[in-house]
């Protein structure tokens, strides 16, 4: 029996990979901890969760398959916890195999960075040279609470505990924090922002990410663009990756 790696003892500890191949897998208020990858491939049956899923492997871990469910707690994470303590192996990689797919966190769930490290990367490979930053997938937090993300980095100089790629949040009113960024070796790493919404007639999804400037551009106007529910900020340049960063 393994006692787990952080705040509590897991109900089920998997010291390796977990594949749910069309199984009726139910995490009913329980605690699943994984050292390896997880894959969910439903057709007739589903992964159902009202509990905790913690990723704590010493190597990079990958989320495969279908996690974009929106109803009945199906095929989505509930309380997703990232427990990484060192830079080596700190990445959680969203690799759905379908460009433009999403990984959802439940409408009453949270994302919690429990350790000192941890980066959620929304594509299968890092945006290394030439630093394209074309992240294919999206982490989608369905919970409209402004505190649905716990213990993400707040210092813009930090290079861990953020989403490398695209983060979508369901928003209503209040100040929402987007701990997003890009690859940290050749670019700036985290470039978080917050947005305050005074009122909305109904909750809506807001997508935030960092878009790099096209090749050949040496400077930009740092325009903030909010159009059609999509918010992004383009930064940096290929000749000077730290140019035009913001906090």
C-alpha atoms as a PDB file:
ATOM      1  CA  UNK A   1       0.000   0.000   0.000  1.00  0.00           C
ATOM      2  CA  UNK A   2       1.249   3.481  -0.859  1.00  0.00           C
ATOM      3  CA  UNK A   3       0.304   6.379   1.394  1.00  0.00           C
ATOM      4  CA  UNK A   4       0.405   8.952  -1.382  1.00  0.00           C
ATOM      5  CA  UNK A   5       2.602  11.984  -1.892  1.00  0.00           C
ATOM      6  CA  UNK A   6       0.917  15.036  -0.437  1.00  0.00           C
ATOM      7  CA  UNK A   7      -2.170  16.102   1.504  1.00  0.00           C
ATOM      8  CA  UNK A   8      -4.017  12.809   1.966  1.00  0.00           C
ATOM      9  CA  UNK A   9      -3.879   9.080   1.388  1.00  0.00           C
ATOM     10  CA  UNK A  10      -5.307   8.047  -2.001  1.00  0.00           C
ATOM     11  CA  UNK A  11      -8.125   5.531  -2.255  1.00  0.00           C
ATOM     12  CA  UNK A  12      -6.451   4.045  -5.347  1.00  0.00           C
ATOM     13  CA  UNK A  13      -2.741   4.520  -6.041  1.00  0.00           C
ATOM     14  CA  UNK A  14      -1.526   3.609  -9.544  1.00  0.00           C
ATOM     15  CA  UNK A  15       2.242   3.334  -9.780  1.00  0.00           C
ATOM     16  CA  UNK A  16       2.116   3.402 -13.581  1.00  0.00           C
ATOM     17  CA  UNK A  17      -0.369   4.028 -16.391  1.00  0.00           C
ATOM     18  CA  UNK A  18      -4.160   3.771 -16.230  1.00  0.00           C
ATOM     19  CA  UNK A  19      -6.211   3.007 -19.358  1.00  0.00           C
ATOM     20  CA  UNK A  20     -10.013   3.048 -19.229  1.00  0.00           C
ATOM     21  CA  UNK A  21     -11.046   1.326 -22.466  1.00  0.00           C
ATOM     22  CA  UNK A  22     -14.833   1.761 -22.564  1.00  0.00           C
ATOM     23  CA  UNK A  23     -15.126   0.848 -18.894  1.00  0.00           C
ATOM     24  CA  UNK A  24     -17.664   2.042 -16.338  1.00  0.00           C
ATOM     25  CA  UNK A  25     -14.978   3.617 -14.131  1.00  0.00           C
ATOM     26  CA  UNK A  26     -16.436   5.646 -11.245  1.00  0.00           C
ATOM     27  CA  UNK A  27     -14.494   7.813  -8.802  1.00  0.00           C
ATOM     28  CA  UNK A  28     -17.332   8.393  -6.353  1.00  0.00           C
ATOM     29  CA  UNK A  29     -15.961  11.037  -3.998  1.00  0.00           C
ATOM     30  CA  UNK A  30     -12.741   9.049  -3.767  1.00  0.00           C
ATOM     31  CA  UNK A  31      -9.064   9.803  -4.387  1.00  0.00           C
ATOM     32  CA  UNK A  32      -7.145   8.519  -7.409  1.00  0.00           C
ATOM     33  CA  UNK A  33      -3.392   9.150  -7.536  1.00  0.00           C
ATOM     34  CA  UNK A  34      -1.318   8.424 -10.641  1.00  0.00           C
ATOM     35  CA  UNK A  35       2.421   8.153 -11.201  1.00  0.00           C
ATOM     36  CA  UNK A  36       2.014   7.521 -14.941  1.00  0.00           C
ATOM     37  CA  UNK A  37      -0.257   8.461 -17.820  1.00  0.00           C
ATOM     38  CA  UNK A  38      -4.035   8.218 -18.019  1.00  0.00           C
ATOM     39  CA  UNK A  39      -6.204   7.407 -21.045  1.00  0.00           C
ATOM     40  CA  UNK A  40      -9.999   7.416 -21.319  1.00  0.00           C
ATOM     41  CA  UNK A  41     -11.647   5.905 -24.412  1.00  0.00           C
ATOM     42  CA  UNK A  42     -15.430   5.700 -23.923  1.00  0.00           C
ATOM     43  CA  UNK A  43     -17.979   4.395 -26.383  1.00  0.00           C
ATOM     44  CA  UNK A  44     -20.849   2.855 -24.380  1.00  0.00           C
ATOM     45  CA  UNK A  45     -19.479   3.371 -20.863  1.00  0.00           C
ATOM     46  CA  UNK A  46     -17.760   6.354 -19.265  1.00  0.00           C
ATOM     47  CA  UNK A  47     -15.298   7.637 -16.700  1.00  0.00           C
ATOM     48  CA  UNK A  48     -17.392   9.314 -13.983  1.00  0.00           C
ATOM     49  CA  UNK A  49     -15.875  11.370 -11.169  1.00  0.00           C
ATOM     50  CA  UNK A  50     -16.942  13.328  -8.120  1.00  0.00           C
ATOM     51  CA  UNK A  51     -13.580  12.886  -6.431  1.00  0.00           C
ATOM     52  CA  UNK A  52      -9.892  13.785  -6.742  1.00  0.00           C
ATOM     53  CA  UNK A  53      -7.405  12.962  -9.485  1.00  0.00           C
ATOM     54  CA  UNK A  54      -3.794  13.685  -8.519  1.00  0.00           C
ATOM     55  CA  UNK A  55      -0.775  13.506 -10.840  1.00  0.00           C
ATOM     56  CA  UNK A  56       2.450  13.035  -8.910  1.00  0.00           C
ATOM     57  CA  UNK A  57       4.878  11.158 -11.160  1.00  0.00           C
ATOM     58  CA  UNK A  58       8.598  11.925 -11.197  1.00  0.00           C
ATOM     59  CA  UNK A  59       8.461  11.906 -15.022  1.00  0.00           C
ATOM     60  CA  UNK A  60       6.263  13.902 -17.379  1.00  0.00           C
ATOM     61  CA  UNK A  61       2.702  12.544 -17.476  1.00  0.00           C
ATOM     62  CA  UNK A  62       0.238  12.618 -20.376  1.00  0.00           C
ATOM     63  CA  UNK A  63      -3.557  12.801 -20.473  1.00  0.00           C
ATOM     64  CA  UNK A  64      -4.878  10.870 -23.485  1.00  0.00           C
ATOM     65  CA  UNK A  65      -8.343  10.320 -24.904  1.00  0.00           C
ATOM     66  CA  UNK A  66     -11.733  11.889 -24.246  1.00  0.00           C
ATOM     67  CA  UNK A  67     -12.016  14.329 -21.340  1.00  0.00           C
ATOM     68  CA  UNK A  68     -14.351  16.969 -22.775  1.00  0.00           C
ATOM     69  CA  UNK A  69     -17.568  15.806 -21.109  1.00  0.00           C
ATOM     70  CA  UNK A  70     -19.948  18.464 -19.818  1.00  0.00           C
ATOM     71  CA  UNK A  71     -22.826  16.510 -18.227  1.00  0.00           C
ATOM     72  CA  UNK A  72     -23.424  13.995 -15.429  1.00  0.00           C
ATOM     73  CA  UNK A  73     -19.774  14.211 -14.261  1.00  0.00           C
ATOM     74  CA  UNK A  74     -18.794  12.085 -17.258  1.00  0.00           C
ATOM     75  CA  UNK A  75     -15.428  12.048 -19.020  1.00  0.00           C
ATOM     76  CA  UNK A  76     -13.974  15.021 -17.191  1.00  0.00           C
ATOM     77  CA  UNK A  77     -11.814  15.636 -14.154  1.00  0.00           C
ATOM     78  CA  UNK A  78     -13.433  16.718 -10.917  1.00  0.00           C
ATOM     79  CA  UNK A  79     -10.747  18.030  -8.538  1.00  0.00           C
ATOM     80  CA  UNK A  80      -7.504  17.894 -10.516  1.00  0.00           C
ATOM     81  CA  UNK A  81      -4.344  18.089  -8.409  1.00  0.00           C
ATOM     82  CA  UNK A  82      -0.775  18.492  -9.648  1.00  0.00           C
ATOM     83  CA  UNK A  83       1.908  17.444  -7.181  1.00  0.00           C
ATOM     84  CA  UNK A  84       5.352  17.978  -8.652  1.00  0.00           C
ATOM     85  CA  UNK A  85       8.357  18.892  -6.535  1.00  0.00           C
ATOM     86  CA  UNK A  86      11.223  19.255  -9.036  1.00  0.00           C
ATOM     87  CA  UNK A  87      11.719  20.654 -12.554  1.00  0.00           C
ATOM     88  CA  UNK A  88      12.550  17.270 -14.052  1.00  0.00           C
ATOM     89  CA  UNK A  89       9.284  15.585 -15.012  1.00  0.00           C
ATOM     90  CA  UNK A  90       7.104  18.523 -14.000  1.00  0.00           C
ATOM     91  CA  UNK A  91       4.901  18.553 -17.123  1.00  0.00           C
ATOM     92  CA  UNK A  92       1.331  17.323 -17.453  1.00  0.00           C
ATOM     93  CA  UNK A  93       0.713  17.058 -21.199  1.00  0.00           C
ATOM     94  CA  UNK A  94      -2.722  17.216 -22.832  1.00  0.00           C
ATOM     95  CA  UNK A  95      -2.522  14.984 -25.898  1.00  0.00           C
ATOM     96  CA  UNK A  96      -6.066  14.139 -26.960  1.00  0.00           C
ATOM     97  CA  UNK A  97      -5.047  13.091 -30.446  1.00  0.00           C
ATOM     98  CA  UNK A  98      -7.610  15.483 -31.911  1.00  0.00           C
ATOM     99  CA  UNK A  99      -6.498  19.020 -32.742  1.00  0.00           C
ATOM    100  CA  UNK A 100      -8.615  21.582 -30.949  1.00  0.00           C
ATOM    101  CA  UNK A 101      -9.920  19.178 -28.320  1.00  0.00           C
ATOM    102  CA  UNK A 102     -10.333  20.134 -24.666  1.00  0.00           C
ATOM    103  CA  UNK A 103      -9.788  18.656 -21.230  1.00  0.00           C
ATOM    104  CA  UNK A 104     -12.542  19.739 -18.845  1.00  0.00           C
ATOM    105  CA  UNK A 105     -12.567  20.279 -15.103  1.00  0.00           C
ATOM    106  CA  UNK A 106     -16.023  19.888 -13.540  1.00  0.00           C
ATOM    107  CA  UNK A 107     -18.391  22.813 -12.949  1.00  0.00           C
ATOM    108  CA  UNK A 108     -17.966  22.390  -9.177  1.00  0.00           C
ATOM    109  CA  UNK A 109     -14.345  21.211  -9.306  1.00  0.00           C
ATOM    110  CA  UNK A 110     -10.949  22.859  -8.941  1.00  0.00           C
ATOM    111  CA  UNK A 111      -7.409  22.837 -10.294  1.00  0.00           C
ATOM    112  CA  UNK A 112      -4.857  22.703  -7.485  1.00  0.00           C
ATOM    113  CA  UNK A 113      -1.074  23.005  -7.867  1.00  0.00           C
ATOM    114  CA  UNK A 114      -0.082  21.251  -4.642  1.00  0.00           C
ATOM    115  CA  UNK A 115       3.676  21.080  -5.152  1.00  0.00           C
ATOM    116  CA  UNK A 116       6.403  23.614  -5.824  1.00  0.00           C
ATOM    117  CA  UNK A 117       6.452  22.700  -9.524  1.00  0.00           C
ATOM    118  CA  UNK A 118       4.026  21.703 -12.243  1.00  0.00           C
ATOM    119  CA  UNK A 119       3.237  22.889 -15.774  1.00  0.00           C
ATOM    120  CA  UNK A 120       0.158  21.841 -17.745  1.00  0.00           C
ATOM    121  CA  UNK A 121       1.116  21.834 -21.424  1.00  0.00           C
ATOM    122  CA  UNK A 122      -1.790  21.884 -23.878  1.00  0.00           C
ATOM    123  CA  UNK A 123      -0.019  20.129 -26.730  1.00  0.00           C
ATOM    124  CA  UNK A 124       2.027  16.976 -27.104  1.00  0.00           C
ATOM    125  CA  UNK A 125       5.345  18.761 -27.594  1.00  0.00           C
ATOM    126  CA  UNK A 126       6.755  21.962 -26.192  1.00  0.00           C
ATOM    127  CA  UNK A 127       6.836  25.131 -28.259  1.00  0.00           C
ATOM    128  CA  UNK A 128      10.580  24.943 -28.661  1.00  0.00           C
ATOM    129  CA  UNK A 129      12.494  26.539 -31.525  1.00  0.00           C
ATOM    130  CA  UNK A 130      11.156  28.283 -33.545  1.00  0.00           C
ATOM    131  CA  UNK A 131       8.784  28.884 -30.625  1.00  0.00           C
ATOM    132  CA  UNK A 132       5.586  28.654 -32.629  1.00  0.00           C
ATOM    133  CA  UNK A 133       3.329  28.377 -29.591  1.00  0.00           C
ATOM    134  CA  UNK A 134       0.573  26.758 -31.663  1.00  0.00           C
ATOM    135  CA  UNK A 135      -0.931  24.852 -28.762  1.00  0.00           C
ATOM    136  CA  UNK A 136      -3.515  22.484 -30.180  1.00  0.00           C
ATOM    137  CA  UNK A 137      -5.694  21.726 -27.142  1.00  0.00           C
ATOM    138  CA  UNK A 138      -7.323  23.621 -24.289  1.00  0.00           C
ATOM    139  CA  UNK A 139      -7.702  23.194 -20.541  1.00  0.00           C
ATOM    140  CA  UNK A 140     -11.299  24.204 -19.794  1.00  0.00           C
ATOM    141  CA  UNK A 141     -12.418  25.006 -16.248  1.00  0.00           C
ATOM    142  CA  UNK A 142     -16.212  24.821 -16.111  1.00  0.00           C
ATOM    143  CA  UNK A 143     -16.431  26.182 -12.551  1.00  0.00           C
ATOM    144  CA  UNK A 144     -17.360  29.899 -12.601  1.00  0.00           C
ATOM    145  CA  UNK A 145     -15.819  30.517  -9.163  1.00  0.00           C
ATOM    146  CA  UNK A 146     -12.924  32.984  -9.247  1.00  0.00           C
ATOM    147  CA  UNK A 147     -11.066  30.642  -6.848  1.00  0.00           C
ATOM    148  CA  UNK A 148     -11.365  27.521  -9.021  1.00  0.00           C
ATOM    149  CA  UNK A 149      -7.581  27.638  -9.606  1.00  0.00           C
ATOM    150  CA  UNK A 150      -5.569  27.100  -6.424  1.00  0.00           C
ATOM    151  CA  UNK A 151      -1.893  27.860  -5.751  1.00  0.00           C
ATOM    152  CA  UNK A 152      -0.925  28.814  -9.308  1.00  0.00           C
ATOM    153  CA  UNK A 153       2.069  31.140  -9.628  1.00  0.00           C
ATOM    154  CA  UNK A 154       1.319  34.810  -9.048  1.00  0.00           C
ATOM    155  CA  UNK A 155       4.820  36.185  -9.588  1.00  0.00           C
ATOM    156  CA  UNK A 156       5.415  36.877 -13.309  1.00  0.00           C
ATOM    157  CA  UNK A 157       9.066  35.813 -12.938  1.00  0.00           C
ATOM    158  CA  UNK A 158       8.079  32.309 -11.838  1.00  0.00           C
ATOM    159  CA  UNK A 159       8.737  29.520 -14.313  1.00  0.00           C
ATOM    160  CA  UNK A 160       6.443  26.878 -12.879  1.00  0.00           C
ATOM    161  CA  UNK A 161       2.837  26.253 -11.711  1.00  0.00           C
ATOM    162  CA  UNK A 162       1.101  27.606 -14.796  1.00  0.00           C
ATOM    163  CA  UNK A 163      -0.607  26.509 -18.016  1.00  0.00           C
ATOM    164  CA  UNK A 164       1.737  26.427 -20.995  1.00  0.00           C
ATOM    165  CA  UNK A 165      -0.810  27.002 -23.724  1.00  0.00           C
ATOM    166  CA  UNK A 166      -4.551  27.642 -23.734  1.00  0.00           C
ATOM    167  CA  UNK A 167      -6.743  28.070 -20.662  1.00  0.00           C
ATOM    168  CA  UNK A 168     -10.483  28.584 -20.936  1.00  0.00           C
ATOM    169  CA  UNK A 169     -12.485  29.633 -17.897  1.00  0.00           C
ATOM    170  CA  UNK A 170     -16.229  29.839 -17.500  1.00  0.00           C
ATOM    171  CA  UNK A 171     -16.754  33.316 -16.076  1.00  0.00           C
ATOM    172  CA  UNK A 172     -19.596  35.257 -14.534  1.00  0.00           C
ATOM    173  CA  UNK A 173     -18.574  38.297 -12.497  1.00  0.00           C
ATOM    174  CA  UNK A 174     -15.462  39.060 -10.455  1.00  0.00           C
ATOM    175  CA  UNK A 175     -11.716  39.019 -11.068  1.00  0.00           C
ATOM    176  CA  UNK A 176     -10.441  35.935 -12.876  1.00  0.00           C
ATOM    177  CA  UNK A 177      -6.764  34.998 -12.944  1.00  0.00           C
ATOM    178  CA  UNK A 178      -5.253  33.345 -16.018  1.00  0.00           C
ATOM    179  CA  UNK A 179      -1.868  31.768 -15.100  1.00  0.00           C
ATOM    180  CA  UNK A 180      -0.925  31.137 -18.739  1.00  0.00           C
ATOM    181  CA  UNK A 181       2.379  31.236 -20.554  1.00  0.00           C
ATOM    182  CA  UNK A 182       4.674  29.729 -23.129  1.00  0.00           C
ATOM    183  CA  UNK A 183       7.767  27.539 -23.228  1.00  0.00           C
ATOM    184  CA  UNK A 184      10.195  28.786 -20.594  1.00  0.00           C
ATOM    185  CA  UNK A 185      13.578  27.874 -22.084  1.00  0.00           C
ATOM    186  CA  UNK A 186      13.509  30.022 -25.225  1.00  0.00           C
ATOM    187  CA  UNK A 187      10.609  32.306 -24.323  1.00  0.00           C
ATOM    188  CA  UNK A 188       9.342  34.026 -21.179  1.00  0.00           C
ATOM    189  CA  UNK A 189       7.566  31.166 -19.444  1.00  0.00           C
ATOM    190  CA  UNK A 190       4.557  32.412 -17.498  1.00  0.00           C
ATOM    191  CA  UNK A 191       2.879  35.640 -18.662  1.00  0.00           C
ATOM    192  CA  UNK A 192      -0.203  35.661 -16.450  1.00  0.00           C
ATOM    193  CA  UNK A 193      -2.992  38.215 -16.517  1.00  0.00           C
ATOM    194  CA  UNK A 194      -6.255  38.857 -14.727  1.00  0.00           C
ATOM    195  CA  UNK A 195      -9.510  40.293 -15.980  1.00  0.00           C
ATOM    196  CA  UNK A 196     -12.304  41.823 -13.942  1.00  0.00           C
ATOM    197  CA  UNK A 197     -15.874  41.383 -15.149  1.00  0.00           C
ATOM    198  CA  UNK A 198     -18.412  43.665 -13.515  1.00  0.00           C
ATOM    199  CA  UNK A 199     -21.526  41.946 -14.809  1.00  0.00           C
ATOM    200  CA  UNK A 200     -22.744  39.487 -17.412  1.00  0.00           C
ATOM    201  CA  UNK A 201     -26.257  38.499 -18.371  1.00  0.00           C
ATOM    202  CA  UNK A 202     -25.118  34.862 -18.271  1.00  0.00           C
ATOM    203  CA  UNK A 203     -21.887  32.985 -17.643  1.00  0.00           C
ATOM    204  CA  UNK A 204     -19.687  32.481 -20.675  1.00  0.00           C
ATOM    205  CA  UNK A 205     -16.371  30.925 -21.609  1.00  0.00           C
ATOM    206  CA  UNK A 206     -13.287  33.132 -21.926  1.00  0.00           C
ATOM    207  CA  UNK A 207     -10.200  31.676 -23.610  1.00  0.00           C
ATOM    208  CA  UNK A 208      -6.822  33.107 -22.643  1.00  0.00           C
ATOM    209  CA  UNK A 209      -3.423  32.337 -24.122  1.00  0.00           C
ATOM    210  CA  UNK A 210      -0.162  33.888 -25.276  1.00  0.00           C
ATOM    211  CA  UNK A 211       0.315  34.245 -29.020  1.00  0.00           C
ATOM    212  CA  UNK A 212       3.851  34.823 -30.235  1.00  0.00           C
ATOM    213  CA  UNK A 213       4.629  37.405 -32.877  1.00  0.00           C
ATOM    214  CA  UNK A 214       5.117  36.131 -36.438  1.00  0.00           C
ATOM    215  CA  UNK A 215       8.607  35.454 -37.722  1.00  0.00           C
ATOM    216  CA  UNK A 216      10.396  38.580 -38.867  1.00  0.00           C
ATOM    217  CA  UNK A 217       8.558  41.044 -36.619  1.00  0.00           C
ATOM    218  CA  UNK A 218      10.899  42.821 -34.231  1.00  0.00           C
ATOM    219  CA  UNK A 219       8.341  44.666 -32.152  1.00  0.00           C
ATOM    220  CA  UNK A 220       4.603  44.841 -31.582  1.00  0.00           C
ATOM    221  CA  UNK A 221       2.027  47.232 -30.212  1.00  0.00           C
ATOM    222  CA  UNK A 222       1.045  44.860 -27.397  1.00  0.00           C
ATOM    223  CA  UNK A 223      -2.605  45.142 -28.287  1.00  0.00           C
ATOM    224  CA  UNK A 224      -5.108  43.436 -26.021  1.00  0.00           C
ATOM    225  CA  UNK A 225      -7.739  41.758 -28.163  1.00  0.00           C
ATOM    226  CA  UNK A 226     -11.100  40.640 -26.810  1.00  0.00           C
ATOM    227  CA  UNK A 227     -13.401  39.455 -29.559  1.00  0.00           C
ATOM    228  CA  UNK A 228     -15.951  36.696 -29.742  1.00  0.00           C
ATOM    229  CA  UNK A 229     -15.113  35.341 -26.286  1.00  0.00           C
ATOM    230  CA  UNK A 230     -11.409  34.953 -27.076  1.00  0.00           C
ATOM    231  CA  UNK A 231      -8.763  36.940 -25.227  1.00  0.00           C
ATOM    232  CA  UNK A 232      -5.092  36.768 -26.090  1.00  0.00           C
ATOM    233  CA  UNK A 233      -1.936  38.824 -25.886  1.00  0.00           C
ATOM    234  CA  UNK A 234       0.911  38.586 -28.332  1.00  0.00           C
ATOM    235  CA  UNK A 235       4.399  39.138 -26.974  1.00  0.00           C
ATOM    236  CA  UNK A 236       8.046  38.795 -27.720  1.00  0.00           C
ATOM    237  CA  UNK A 237      10.008  38.451 -30.910  1.00  0.00           C
ATOM    238  CA  UNK A 238      12.215  35.841 -32.483  1.00  0.00           C
ATOM    239  CA  UNK A 239      15.269  38.062 -32.241  1.00  0.00           C
ATOM    240  CA  UNK A 240      14.597  38.906 -28.609  1.00  0.00           C
ATOM    241  CA  UNK A 241      12.254  36.425 -26.889  1.00  0.00           C
ATOM    242  CA  UNK A 242      12.039  38.539 -23.706  1.00  0.00           C
ATOM    243  CA  UNK A 243      10.957  41.699 -25.504  1.00  0.00           C
ATOM    244  CA  UNK A 244       7.550  43.183 -24.731  1.00  0.00           C
ATOM    245  CA  UNK A 245       6.783  40.907 -21.810  1.00  0.00           C
ATOM    246  CA  UNK A 246       4.136  42.002 -19.332  1.00  0.00           C
ATOM    247  CA  UNK A 247       3.099  41.086 -15.806  1.00  0.00           C
END
